[in-house]
Amino acid sequence: MIALPVENTASDCWNTIGVRGDRSCPDLNEFVHCQNCPVFAAAGRRFLDNPSPEGYLDEWTGRLAEIPETKSCDTISVLVFQIADEWLALPVHSLLK
């Protein structure tokens, strides 16, 4: 599995003075949470604009191209309901027709 690089710069103020820090950021009064702040949004854009690590796209292409194996089972899905004191069940496939 390929690990994505984590950038820890001085602009990660949410960890020091923001909601994950001591909450001393003066902008918290305006934005309420760091997720609403343009500094947080810019850091997210920088992270998503970084190039993918070598092999990342090939790894995910392989994962998504795999055909999941199907397992056979001897069970059926039913809808269980009660009328008065009687419990009844209908097979779900009969309700879809």
Protein backbone atom coordinates (compact mmCIF):
# COMPACT_ATOMS: atom_id res chain seq x y z
CA MET A 1 0.00 0.00 0.00
CA ILE A 2 1.32 3.43 -0.93
CA ALA A 3 1.32 6.11 1.75
CA LEU A 4 0.39 9.64 0.78
CA PRO A 5 2.74 12.38 1.93
CA VAL A 6 1.52 14.45 4.85
CA GLU A 7 2.57 18.06 4.71
CA ASN A 8 3.04 19.67 8.11
CA THR A 9 3.68 23.36 7.57
CA ALA A 10 3.27 26.53 9.58
CA SER A 11 -0.10 27.02 7.88
CA ASP A 12 -1.71 24.18 9.84
CA CYS A 13 -2.94 26.69 12.42
CA TRP A 14 -6.03 24.55 13.15
CA ASN A 15 -3.70 22.21 15.11
CA THR A 16 -2.17 24.98 17.21
CA ILE A 17 -4.58 27.89 17.63
CA GLY A 18 -7.70 26.44 16.00
CA VAL A 19 -10.28 23.89 17.06
CA ARG A 20 -7.63 21.17 17.49
CA GLY A 21 -5.38 23.49 19.43
CA ASP A 22 -5.94 26.03 22.18
CA ARG A 23 -8.77 27.86 20.30
CA SER A 24 -7.00 31.22 20.57
CA CYS A 25 -7.45 32.07 16.87
CA PRO A 26 -9.22 35.44 16.55
CA ASP A 27 -10.95 34.25 13.34
CA LEU A 28 -12.89 31.52 15.20
CA ASN A 29 -15.43 34.17 16.22
CA GLU A 30 -16.19 34.80 12.54
CA PHE A 31 -15.81 31.30 11.06
CA VAL A 32 -16.96 29.25 14.12
CA HIS A 33 -14.90 26.23 12.96
CA CYS A 34 -11.61 25.88 11.10
CA GLN A 35 -13.38 23.99 8.29
CA ASN A 36 -15.06 27.28 7.32
CA CYS A 37 -11.78 29.26 7.22
CA PRO A 38 -10.03 30.14 3.94
CA VAL A 39 -6.65 29.09 5.43
CA PHE A 40 -8.00 25.56 6.00
CA ALA A 41 -9.53 25.49 2.49
CA ALA A 42 -6.24 26.60 0.91
CA ALA A 43 -4.36 23.84 2.73
CA GLY A 44 -6.89 21.30 1.43
CA ARG A 45 -6.45 22.58 -2.12
CA ARG A 46 -2.67 22.32 -1.80
CA PHE A 47 -2.98 18.73 -0.57
CA LEU A 48 -5.33 17.71 -3.39
CA ASP A 49 -3.26 19.51 -6.03
CA ASN A 50 -0.12 17.53 -5.14
CA PRO A 51 0.89 14.93 -7.71
CA SER A 52 0.03 11.33 -6.86
CA PRO A 53 2.87 9.16 -5.55
CA GLU A 54 4.48 6.82 -8.04
CA GLY A 55 2.41 3.67 -8.47
CA TYR A 56 -0.70 5.13 -6.78
CA LEU A 57 -2.87 5.22 -9.90
CA ASP A 58 -1.75 1.74 -10.98
CA GLU A 59 -2.53 0.34 -7.52
CA TRP A 60 -6.05 1.78 -7.49
CA THR A 61 -6.69 0.80 -11.10
CA GLY A 62 -5.87 -2.78 -10.15
CA ARG A 63 -8.04 -2.69 -7.05
CA LEU A 64 -11.04 -1.27 -8.86
CA ALA A 65 -10.65 -3.62 -11.84
CA GLU A 66 -10.82 -6.74 -9.65
CA ILE A 67 -14.06 -8.63 -9.90
CA PRO A 68 -15.32 -9.35 -6.39
CA GLU A 69 -15.87 -13.00 -5.73
CA THR A 70 -19.46 -13.94 -5.18
CA LYS A 71 -20.39 -16.30 -2.42
CA SER A 72 -23.37 -18.56 -2.77
CA CYS A 73 -25.64 -18.94 0.18
CA ASP A 74 -28.77 -20.85 0.98
CA THR A 75 -30.62 -17.99 2.61
CA ILE A 76 -33.41 -15.74 1.42
CA SER A 77 -34.45 -12.27 2.49
CA VAL A 78 -37.88 -11.94 4.03
CA LEU A 79 -40.11 -9.18 5.31
CA VAL A 80 -41.41 -10.09 8.76
CA PHE A 81 -44.59 -8.47 10.03
CA GLN A 82 -47.28 -9.06 12.62
CA ILE A 83 -51.07 -9.05 12.27
CA ALA A 84 -52.76 -9.26 15.68
CA ASP A 85 -51.02 -12.16 17.47
CA GLU A 86 -49.80 -13.83 14.27
CA TRP A 87 -46.26 -13.33 12.89
CA LEU A 88 -45.93 -13.67 9.12
CA ALA A 89 -43.09 -13.43 6.59
CA LEU A 90 -43.03 -12.77 2.85
CA PRO A 91 -40.03 -13.39 0.61
CA VAL A 92 -38.68 -10.04 -0.54
CA HIS A 93 -38.36 -11.20 -4.15
CA SER A 94 -42.15 -11.72 -4.26
CA LEU A 95 -42.68 -8.07 -3.32
CA LEU A 96 -40.55 -6.78 -6.20
CA LYS A 97 -42.56 -8.39 -8.97
